[in-house]
C-alpha atoms as a PDB file:
ATOM      1  CA  UNK A   1     110.309  78.344  89.447  1.00  0.00           C
ATOM      2  CA  UNK A   2     111.147  81.707  90.964  1.00  0.00           C
ATOM      3  CA  UNK A   3     107.917  83.609  91.748  1.00  0.00           C
ATOM      4  CA  UNK A   4     109.042  86.677  89.791  1.00  0.00           C
ATOM      5  CA  UNK A   5     109.561  84.657  86.613  1.00  0.00           C
ATOM      6  CA  UNK A   6     106.255  82.878  87.192  1.00  0.00           C
ATOM      7  CA  UNK A   7     104.431  86.193  87.619  1.00  0.00           C
ATOM      8  CA  UNK A   8     105.984  87.615  84.448  1.00  0.00           C
ATOM      9  CA  UNK A   9     104.877  84.555  82.481  1.00  0.00           C
ATOM     10  CA  UNK A  10     101.430  83.961  83.987  1.00  0.00           C
ATOM     11  CA  UNK A  11      99.485  86.462  81.904  1.00  0.00           C
ATOM     12  CA  UNK A  12     101.536  87.937  79.041  1.00  0.00           C
ATOM     13  CA  UNK A  13      99.059  90.740  78.380  1.00  0.00           C
ATOM     14  CA  UNK A  14      98.648  91.861  82.000  1.00  0.00           C
ATOM     15  CA  UNK A  15     100.371  95.049  83.118  1.00  0.00           C
ATOM     16  CA  UNK A  16     101.969  94.420  86.494  1.00  0.00           C
ATOM     17  CA  UNK A  17     101.726  96.746  89.460  1.00  0.00           C
ATOM     18  CA  UNK A  18     104.585  96.665  91.942  1.00  0.00           C
ATOM     19  CA  UNK A  19     104.512  98.677  95.155  1.00  0.00           C
ATOM     20  CA  UNK A  20     107.532  99.827  97.137  1.00  0.00           C
ATOM     21  CA  UNK A  21     107.372 100.615 100.830  1.00  0.00           C
ATOM     22  CA  UNK A  22     109.978 101.192 103.508  1.00  0.00           C
ATOM     23  CA  UNK A  23     110.204  98.463 106.125  1.00  0.00           C
ATOM     24  CA  UNK A  24     109.315  99.787 109.556  1.00  0.00           C
ATOM     25  CA  UNK A  25     107.295 102.754 108.294  1.00  0.00           C
ATOM     26  CA  UNK A  26     105.077 104.387 109.342  1.00  0.00           C
ATOM     27  CA  UNK A  27     105.367 102.259 112.500  1.00  0.00           C
ATOM     28  CA  UNK A  28     108.071  99.677 113.310  1.00  0.00           C
ATOM     29  CA  UNK A  29     105.696  96.691 113.256  1.00  0.00           C
ATOM     30  CA  UNK A  30     103.675  97.666 110.158  1.00  0.00           C
ATOM     31  CA  UNK A  31     105.684  95.584 107.684  1.00  0.00           C
ATOM     32  CA  UNK A  32     103.579  92.408 107.610  1.00  0.00           C
ATOM     33  CA  UNK A  33     100.275  94.296 107.845  1.00  0.00           C
ATOM     34  CA  UNK A  34     101.186  96.331 104.763  1.00  0.00           C
ATOM     35  CA  UNK A  35     102.178  93.196 102.839  1.00  0.00           C
ATOM     36  CA  UNK A  36      98.853  91.521 103.593  1.00  0.00           C
ATOM     37  CA  UNK A  37      96.855  94.568 102.535  1.00  0.00           C
ATOM     38  CA  UNK A  38      98.837  95.020  99.339  1.00  0.00           C
ATOM     39  CA  UNK A  39      98.264  91.393  98.369  1.00  0.00           C
ATOM     40  CA  UNK A  40      94.555  91.668  99.196  1.00  0.00           C
ATOM     41  CA  UNK A  41      94.377  94.787  97.032  1.00  0.00           C
ATOM     42  CA  UNK A  42      95.623  92.950  93.961  1.00  0.00           C
ATOM     43  CA  UNK A  43      99.240  94.121  93.806  1.00  0.00           C
ATOM     44  CA  UNK A  44     101.384  91.819  91.658  1.00  0.00           C
ATOM     45  CA  UNK A  45     104.752  92.284  93.364  1.00  0.00           C
ATOM     46  CA  UNK A  46     106.107  94.118  96.384  1.00  0.00           C
ATOM     47  CA  UNK A  47     109.486  95.735  96.956  1.00  0.00           C
ATOM     48  CA  UNK A  48     110.372  95.963 100.625  1.00  0.00           C
ATOM     49  CA  UNK A  49     112.745  98.855 101.210  1.00  0.00           C
ATOM     50  CA  UNK A  50     115.640  98.246 103.576  1.00  0.00           C
ATOM     51  CA  UNK A  51     116.126 101.609 105.344  1.00  0.00           C
ATOM     52  CA  UNK A  52     119.517 103.240 104.869  1.00  0.00           C
ATOM     53  CA  UNK A  53     120.942 106.522 106.114  1.00  0.00           C
ATOM     54  CA  UNK A  54     122.396 107.598 102.751  1.00  0.00           C
ATOM     55  CA  UNK A  55     119.961 106.515 100.009  1.00  0.00           C
ATOM     56  CA  UNK A  56     121.496 107.861  96.799  1.00  0.00           C
ATOM     57  CA  UNK A  57     118.531 107.293  94.471  1.00  0.00           C
ATOM     58  CA  UNK A  58     115.688 108.110  96.843  1.00  0.00           C
ATOM     59  CA  UNK A  59     113.854 111.416  96.879  1.00  0.00           C
ATOM     60  CA  UNK A  60     112.809 113.298 100.010  1.00  0.00           C
ATOM     61  CA  UNK A  61     109.619 111.312 100.675  1.00  0.00           C
ATOM     62  CA  UNK A  62     111.390 107.957 100.828  1.00  0.00           C
ATOM     63  CA  UNK A  63     114.393 109.472 102.586  1.00  0.00           C
ATOM     64  CA  UNK A  64     112.141 110.712 105.393  1.00  0.00           C
ATOM     65  CA  UNK A  65     110.487 107.308 105.679  1.00  0.00           C
ATOM     66  CA  UNK A  66     113.919 105.680 106.010  1.00  0.00           C
ATOM     67  CA  UNK A  67     114.950 108.180 108.680  1.00  0.00           C
ATOM     68  CA  UNK A  68     111.750 107.494 110.632  1.00  0.00           C
ATOM     69  CA  UNK A  69     112.202 103.720 110.374  1.00  0.00           C
ATOM     70  CA  UNK A  70     115.839 103.865 111.471  1.00  0.00           C
ATOM     71  CA  UNK A  71     115.014 106.108 114.428  1.00  0.00           C
ATOM     72  CA  UNK A  72     112.331 103.621 115.418  1.00  0.00           C
ATOM     73  CA  UNK A  73     114.894 100.831 115.540  1.00  0.00           C
ATOM     74  CA  UNK A  74     114.438  99.106 112.189  1.00  0.00           C
ATOM     75  CA  UNK A  75     117.442  96.956 111.233  1.00  0.00           C
ATOM     76  CA  UNK A  76     118.200  94.230 108.724  1.00  0.00           C
ATOM     77  CA  UNK A  77     117.971  91.632 111.477  1.00  0.00           C
ATOM     78  CA  UNK A  78     114.607  92.979 112.651  1.00  0.00           C
ATOM     79  CA  UNK A  79     113.215  92.905 109.100  1.00  0.00           C
ATOM     80  CA  UNK A  80     114.126  89.252 108.757  1.00  0.00           C
ATOM     81  CA  UNK A  81     112.485  88.544 112.110  1.00  0.00           C
ATOM     82  CA  UNK A  82     109.304  90.287 110.973  1.00  0.00           C
ATOM     83  CA  UNK A  83     109.216  88.283 107.745  1.00  0.00           C
ATOM     84  CA  UNK A  84     109.636  84.854 109.339  1.00  0.00           C
ATOM     85  CA  UNK A  85     106.717  82.682 108.284  1.00  0.00           C
ATOM     86  CA  UNK A  86     105.387  85.321 105.873  1.00  0.00           C
ATOM     87  CA  UNK A  87     105.026  82.748 103.092  1.00  0.00           C
ATOM     88  CA  UNK A  88     102.189  81.109 105.004  1.00  0.00           C
ATOM     89  CA  UNK A  89     100.074  84.128 103.998  1.00  0.00           C
ATOM     90  CA  UNK A  90     101.840  86.013 101.214  1.00  0.00           C
ATOM     91  CA  UNK A  91     102.075  84.319  97.821  1.00  0.00           C
ATOM     92  CA  UNK A  92     103.031  87.159  95.466  1.00  0.00           C
ATOM     93  CA  UNK A  93     106.690  87.841  94.594  1.00  0.00           C
ATOM     94  CA  UNK A  94     108.664  89.774  97.205  1.00  0.00           C
ATOM     95  CA  UNK A  95     111.861  91.693  96.594  1.00  0.00           C
ATOM     96  CA  UNK A  96     114.133  93.567  98.948  1.00  0.00           C
ATOM     97  CA  UNK A  97     115.369  96.901  97.643  1.00  0.00           C
ATOM     98  CA  UNK A  98     118.275  98.458  99.447  1.00  0.00           C
ATOM     99  CA  UNK A  99     121.809  99.725  99.283  1.00  0.00           C
ATOM    100  CA  UNK A 100     124.836  97.492  99.394  1.00  0.00           C
ATOM    101  CA  UNK A 101     126.497  98.701 102.581  1.00  0.00           C
ATOM    102  CA  UNK A 102     123.945  97.218 105.058  1.00  0.00           C
ATOM    103  CA  UNK A 103     123.996  93.945 103.088  1.00  0.00           C
ATOM    104  CA  UNK A 104     127.798  93.876 103.132  1.00  0.00           C
ATOM    105  CA  UNK A 105     127.816  94.566 106.869  1.00  0.00           C
ATOM    106  CA  UNK A 106     125.319  91.767 107.463  1.00  0.00           C
ATOM    107  CA  UNK A 107     127.369  89.433 105.253  1.00  0.00           C
ATOM    108  CA  UNK A 108     126.350  88.962 101.630  1.00  0.00           C
ATOM    109  CA  UNK A 109     125.992  85.191 101.680  1.00  0.00           C
ATOM    110  CA  UNK A 110     124.318  85.223 105.090  1.00  0.00           C
ATOM    111  CA  UNK A 111     121.922  87.891 103.816  1.00  0.00           C
ATOM    112  CA  UNK A 112     121.068  85.837 100.728  1.00  0.00           C
ATOM    113  CA  UNK A 113     120.622  82.702 102.828  1.00  0.00           C
ATOM    114  CA  UNK A 114     118.151  84.521 105.093  1.00  0.00           C
ATOM    115  CA  UNK A 115     116.318  85.811 102.030  1.00  0.00           C
ATOM    116  CA  UNK A 116     115.786  82.277 100.782  1.00  0.00           C
ATOM    117  CA  UNK A 117     114.714  81.061 104.219  1.00  0.00           C
ATOM    118  CA  UNK A 118     111.887  83.598 104.412  1.00  0.00           C
ATOM    119  CA  UNK A 119     110.943  83.463 100.729  1.00  0.00           C
ATOM    120  CA  UNK A 120     112.411  86.576  99.108  1.00  0.00           C
ATOM    121  CA  UNK A 121     112.534  86.250  95.318  1.00  0.00           C
ATOM    122  CA  UNK A 122     114.827  89.060  94.169  1.00  0.00           C
ATOM    123  CA  UNK A 123     117.134  91.879  95.197  1.00  0.00           C
ATOM    124  CA  UNK A 124     117.340  95.426  93.853  1.00  0.00           C
ATOM    125  CA  UNK A 125     120.624  97.021  94.898  1.00  0.00           C
ATOM    126  CA  UNK A 126     121.053 100.304  92.975  1.00  0.00           C
ATOM    127  CA  UNK A 127     124.677 100.848  94.007  1.00  0.00           C
ATOM    128  CA  UNK A 128     125.945  97.338  93.232  1.00  0.00           C
ATOM    129  CA  UNK A 129     127.720  97.606  89.853  1.00  0.00           C
ATOM    130  CA  UNK A 130     126.960  94.936  87.265  1.00  0.00           C
ATOM    131  CA  UNK A 131     130.639  94.001  86.967  1.00  0.00           C
ATOM    132  CA  UNK A 132     131.006  93.630  90.745  1.00  0.00           C
ATOM    133  CA  UNK A 133     127.902  91.437  90.853  1.00  0.00           C
ATOM    134  CA  UNK A 134     129.138  89.139  88.097  1.00  0.00           C
ATOM    135  CA  UNK A 135     132.650  88.881  89.515  1.00  0.00           C
ATOM    136  CA  UNK A 136     131.842  88.343  93.200  1.00  0.00           C
ATOM    137  CA  UNK A 137     128.174  87.688  93.896  1.00  0.00           C
ATOM    138  CA  UNK A 138     126.422  86.039  90.946  1.00  0.00           C
ATOM    139  CA  UNK A 139     127.049  82.494  92.169  1.00  0.00           C
ATOM    140  CA  UNK A 140     125.745  83.395  95.632  1.00  0.00           C
ATOM    141  CA  UNK A 141     122.550  84.891  94.199  1.00  0.00           C
ATOM    142  CA  UNK A 142     122.010  81.813  92.048  1.00  0.00           C
ATOM    143  CA  UNK A 143     122.717  79.454  94.929  1.00  0.00           C
ATOM    144  CA  UNK A 144     119.887  81.017  96.919  1.00  0.00           C
ATOM    145  CA  UNK A 145     117.511  81.500  93.955  1.00  0.00           C
ATOM    146  CA  UNK A 146     117.553  85.291  94.125  1.00  0.00           C
ATOM    147  CA  UNK A 147     117.038  87.261  90.940  1.00  0.00           C
ATOM    148  CA  UNK A 148     119.185  90.381  90.564  1.00  0.00           C
ATOM    149  CA  UNK A 149     117.365  93.457  89.266  1.00  0.00           C
ATOM    150  CA  UNK A 150     119.480  96.127  87.581  1.00  0.00           C
ATOM    151  CA  UNK A 151     118.522  99.699  86.760  1.00  0.00           C
ATOM    152  CA  UNK A 152     118.720 101.591  83.476  1.00  0.00           C
ATOM    153  CA  UNK A 153     117.994 105.272  82.767  1.00  0.00           C
ATOM    154  CA  UNK A 154     117.328 107.327  79.628  1.00  0.00           C
ATOM    155  CA  UNK A 155     121.076 107.949  79.486  1.00  0.00           C
ATOM    156  CA  UNK A 156     122.058 104.274  79.541  1.00  0.00           C
ATOM    157  CA  UNK A 157     123.674 103.277  76.249  1.00  0.00           C
ATOM    158  CA  UNK A 158     122.214 100.555  74.057  1.00  0.00           C
ATOM    159  CA  UNK A 159     125.358  98.493  74.572  1.00  0.00           C
ATOM    160  CA  UNK A 160     125.039  98.761  78.349  1.00  0.00           C
ATOM    161  CA  UNK A 161     121.342  97.891  78.249  1.00  0.00           C
ATOM    162  CA  UNK A 162     122.197  94.710  76.346  1.00  0.00           C
ATOM    163  CA  UNK A 163     124.837  93.816  78.946  1.00  0.00           C
ATOM    164  CA  UNK A 164     122.303  94.310  81.726  1.00  0.00           C
ATOM    165  CA  UNK A 165     119.720  92.284  79.817  1.00  0.00           C
ATOM    166  CA  UNK A 166     122.172  89.407  79.476  1.00  0.00           C
ATOM    167  CA  UNK A 167     122.858  89.435  83.222  1.00  0.00           C
ATOM    168  CA  UNK A 168     119.176  89.723  84.184  1.00  0.00           C
ATOM    169  CA  UNK A 169     116.903  86.771  84.790  1.00  0.00           C
ATOM    170  CA  UNK A 170     113.580  88.473  85.467  1.00  0.00           C
ATOM    171  CA  UNK A 171     113.024  92.127  84.740  1.00  0.00           C
ATOM    172  CA  UNK A 172     114.974  95.324  84.239  1.00  0.00           C
ATOM    173  CA  UNK A 173     114.110  98.293  86.447  1.00  0.00           C
ATOM    174  CA  UNK A 174     113.570 101.084  83.948  1.00  0.00           C
ATOM    175  CA  UNK A 175     114.145 104.393  85.739  1.00  0.00           C
ATOM    176  CA  UNK A 176     111.889 106.889  83.983  1.00  0.00           C
ATOM    177  CA  UNK A 177     114.190 109.888  84.252  1.00  0.00           C
ATOM    178  CA  UNK A 178     117.595 110.997  85.503  1.00  0.00           C
ATOM    179  CA  UNK A 179     116.292 112.083  88.899  1.00  0.00           C
ATOM    180  CA  UNK A 180     115.577 110.712  92.345  1.00  0.00           C
ATOM    181  CA  UNK A 181     112.331 108.975  93.258  1.00  0.00           C
ATOM    182  CA  UNK A 182     109.278 111.181  93.476  1.00  0.00           C
ATOM    183  CA  UNK A 183     110.963 113.871  91.413  1.00  0.00           C
ATOM    184  CA  UNK A 184     108.820 113.789  88.290  1.00  0.00           C
ATOM    185  CA  UNK A 185     105.232 114.682  87.532  1.00  0.00           C
ATOM    186  CA  UNK A 186     103.755 112.867  84.549  1.00  0.00           C
ATOM    187  CA  UNK A 187     105.686 111.789  81.476  1.00  0.00           C
ATOM    188  CA  UNK A 188     106.653 113.959  78.539  1.00  0.00           C
ATOM    189  CA  UNK A 189     107.452 113.036  74.937  1.00  0.00           C
ATOM    190  CA  UNK A 190     111.112 112.323  75.709  1.00  0.00           C
ATOM    191  CA  UNK A 191     110.228 109.768  78.373  1.00  0.00           C
ATOM    192  CA  UNK A 192     107.590 108.104  76.195  1.00  0.00           C
ATOM    193  CA  UNK A 193     110.141 107.872  73.372  1.00  0.00           C
ATOM    194  CA  UNK A 194     112.591 106.272  75.809  1.00  0.00           C
ATOM    195  CA  UNK A 195     110.013 103.676  76.890  1.00  0.00           C
ATOM    196  CA  UNK A 196     109.229 102.827  73.265  1.00  0.00           C
ATOM    197  CA  UNK A 197     112.877 102.822  72.135  1.00  0.00           C
ATOM    198  CA  UNK A 198     114.018 100.326  74.751  1.00  0.00           C
ATOM    199  CA  UNK A 199     110.904  98.162  74.358  1.00  0.00           C
ATOM    200  CA  UNK A 200     111.748  97.747  70.666  1.00  0.00           C
ATOM    201  CA  UNK A 201     115.266  96.486  71.371  1.00  0.00           C
ATOM    202  CA  UNK A 202     114.100  92.874  71.553  1.00  0.00           C
ATOM    203  CA  UNK A 203     115.409  92.270  75.049  1.00  0.00           C
ATOM    204  CA  UNK A 204     114.940  88.949  76.831  1.00  0.00           C
ATOM    205  CA  UNK A 205     114.037  90.667  80.092  1.00  0.00           C
ATOM    206  CA  UNK A 206     110.737  92.355  80.854  1.00  0.00           C
ATOM    207  CA  UNK A 207     110.769  96.109  81.465  1.00  0.00           C
ATOM    208  CA  UNK A 208     109.160  97.566  84.574  1.00  0.00           C
ATOM    209  CA  UNK A 209     109.170 101.347  84.975  1.00  0.00           C
ATOM    210  CA  UNK A 210     109.879 103.147  88.233  1.00  0.00           C
ATOM    211  CA  UNK A 211     110.173 106.775  89.414  1.00  0.00           C
ATOM    212  CA  UNK A 212     107.297 109.176  88.743  1.00  0.00           C
ATOM    213  CA  UNK A 213     104.312 106.797  88.745  1.00  0.00           C
ATOM    214  CA  UNK A 214     101.677 108.068  91.143  1.00  0.00           C
ATOM    215  CA  UNK A 215      98.183 107.612  89.649  1.00  0.00           C
ATOM    216  CA  UNK A 216      96.169 105.836  86.955  1.00  0.00           C
ATOM    217  CA  UNK A 217      97.336 108.199  84.209  1.00  0.00           C
ATOM    218  CA  UNK A 218     101.052 107.842  84.888  1.00  0.00           C
ATOM    219  CA  UNK A 219     100.657 104.072  85.374  1.00  0.00           C
ATOM    220  CA  UNK A 220      98.947 103.829  81.977  1.00  0.00           C
ATOM    221  CA  UNK A 221     101.619 105.956  80.292  1.00  0.00           C
ATOM    222  CA  UNK A 222     104.449 103.956  81.840  1.00  0.00           C
ATOM    223  CA  UNK A 223     102.999 100.587  80.851  1.00  0.00           C
ATOM    224  CA  UNK A 224     101.901 101.408  77.318  1.00  0.00           C
ATOM    225  CA  UNK A 225     105.029  99.759  75.911  1.00  0.00           C
ATOM    226  CA  UNK A 226     106.394  97.980  79.012  1.00  0.00           C
ATOM    227  CA  UNK A 227     105.355  95.095  81.261  1.00  0.00           C
ATOM    228  CA  UNK A 228     104.584  97.058  84.416  1.00  0.00           C
ATOM    229  CA  UNK A 229     105.298  99.929  86.752  1.00  0.00           C
ATOM    230  CA  UNK A 230     106.487 100.504  90.305  1.00  0.00           C
ATOM    231  CA  UNK A 231     104.958 103.009  92.704  1.00  0.00           C
ATOM    232  CA  UNK A 232     107.039 104.100  95.672  1.00  0.00           C
ATOM    233  CA  UNK A 233     106.983 107.751  96.742  1.00  0.00           C
ATOM    234  CA  UNK A 234     103.248 108.187  96.113  1.00  0.00           C
ATOM    235  CA  UNK A 235     102.489 105.161  98.277  1.00  0.00           C
ATOM    236  CA  UNK A 236     104.844 106.297 101.044  1.00  0.00           C
ATOM    237  CA  UNK A 237     103.155 109.702 100.963  1.00  0.00           C
ATOM    238  CA  UNK A 238      99.770 107.972 101.293  1.00  0.00           C
ATOM    239  CA  UNK A 239     101.035 106.010 104.309  1.00  0.00           C
ATOM    240  CA  UNK A 240     102.396 109.225 105.822  1.00  0.00           C
ATOM    241  CA  UNK A 241      99.010 110.911 105.546  1.00  0.00           C
ATOM    242  CA  UNK A 242      96.685 107.954 106.222  1.00  0.00           C
ATOM    243  CA  UNK A 243      98.618 105.225 107.999  1.00  0.00           C
ATOM    244  CA  UNK A 244      97.890 101.659 106.919  1.00  0.00           C
ATOM    245  CA  UNK A 245      94.124 101.891 107.120  1.00  0.00           C
ATOM    246  CA  UNK A 246      93.327 103.052 103.569  1.00  0.00           C
ATOM    247  CA  UNK A 247      95.706 101.045 101.420  1.00  0.00           C
ATOM    248  CA  UNK A 248      92.905  99.494  99.346  1.00  0.00           C
ATOM    249  CA  UNK A 249      91.542 102.954  98.539  1.00  0.00           C
ATOM    250  CA  UNK A 250      94.957 104.029  97.263  1.00  0.00           C
ATOM    251  CA  UNK A 251      95.288 100.968  95.032  1.00  0.00           C
ATOM    252  CA  UNK A 252      91.874 101.595  93.487  1.00  0.00           C
ATOM    253  CA  UNK A 253      93.118 104.946  92.193  1.00  0.00           C
ATOM    254  CA  UNK A 254      95.868 103.230  90.165  1.00  0.00           C
ATOM    255  CA  UNK A 255      94.014 100.674  88.073  1.00  0.00           C
END
């Protein structure tokens, strides 16, 4: 069974914490060290960001981390090299989050094959349209046991959400607001209503909230009616200020 599905089913009442970080940041060789410390700190899933020069959904904090990683020489090939043998030590689900152009340049099937070789469980590609995925890439994802994760926003129609739910096999990435990452501060009534509204739709897929989660309060708000939450910008900011030495301290402030 895919590790993401297993994690979602293991403890139905547990609220999952997923952490995003940019591969190759703050230093080029930090990727595996960060993964080990996140697992040791009790994180349920990790999204490894594939740096890209034109990240449409990322706010300034993650954009800067991508720029730093790219300048330091991080590439798709180097990330795969860093992750070779990672499953000897890391047992939690791992996803790669990135934009489609670097994957297309690498070769979609070759990319997916490498993902399976090193033990990646899912892919989050914000700029890969659902229709394009189903027409061209669904069979490839399934062949290499990679779960696709699609995004919805408060503006996504109920009909579209149901289409995405049908195409999903693990969870839906529930963007908290129509903004880039790191662009919100706490959740207002409109966002809470959105979380509740979608959670009552009876979807087959779990809902995991991203964008705007930075502390225990926002994590609690985001997971009140959903399965979990993703922290990205706040964690990248912590790495920027502290390096990799205080990751456990950061995680203790969340839950």
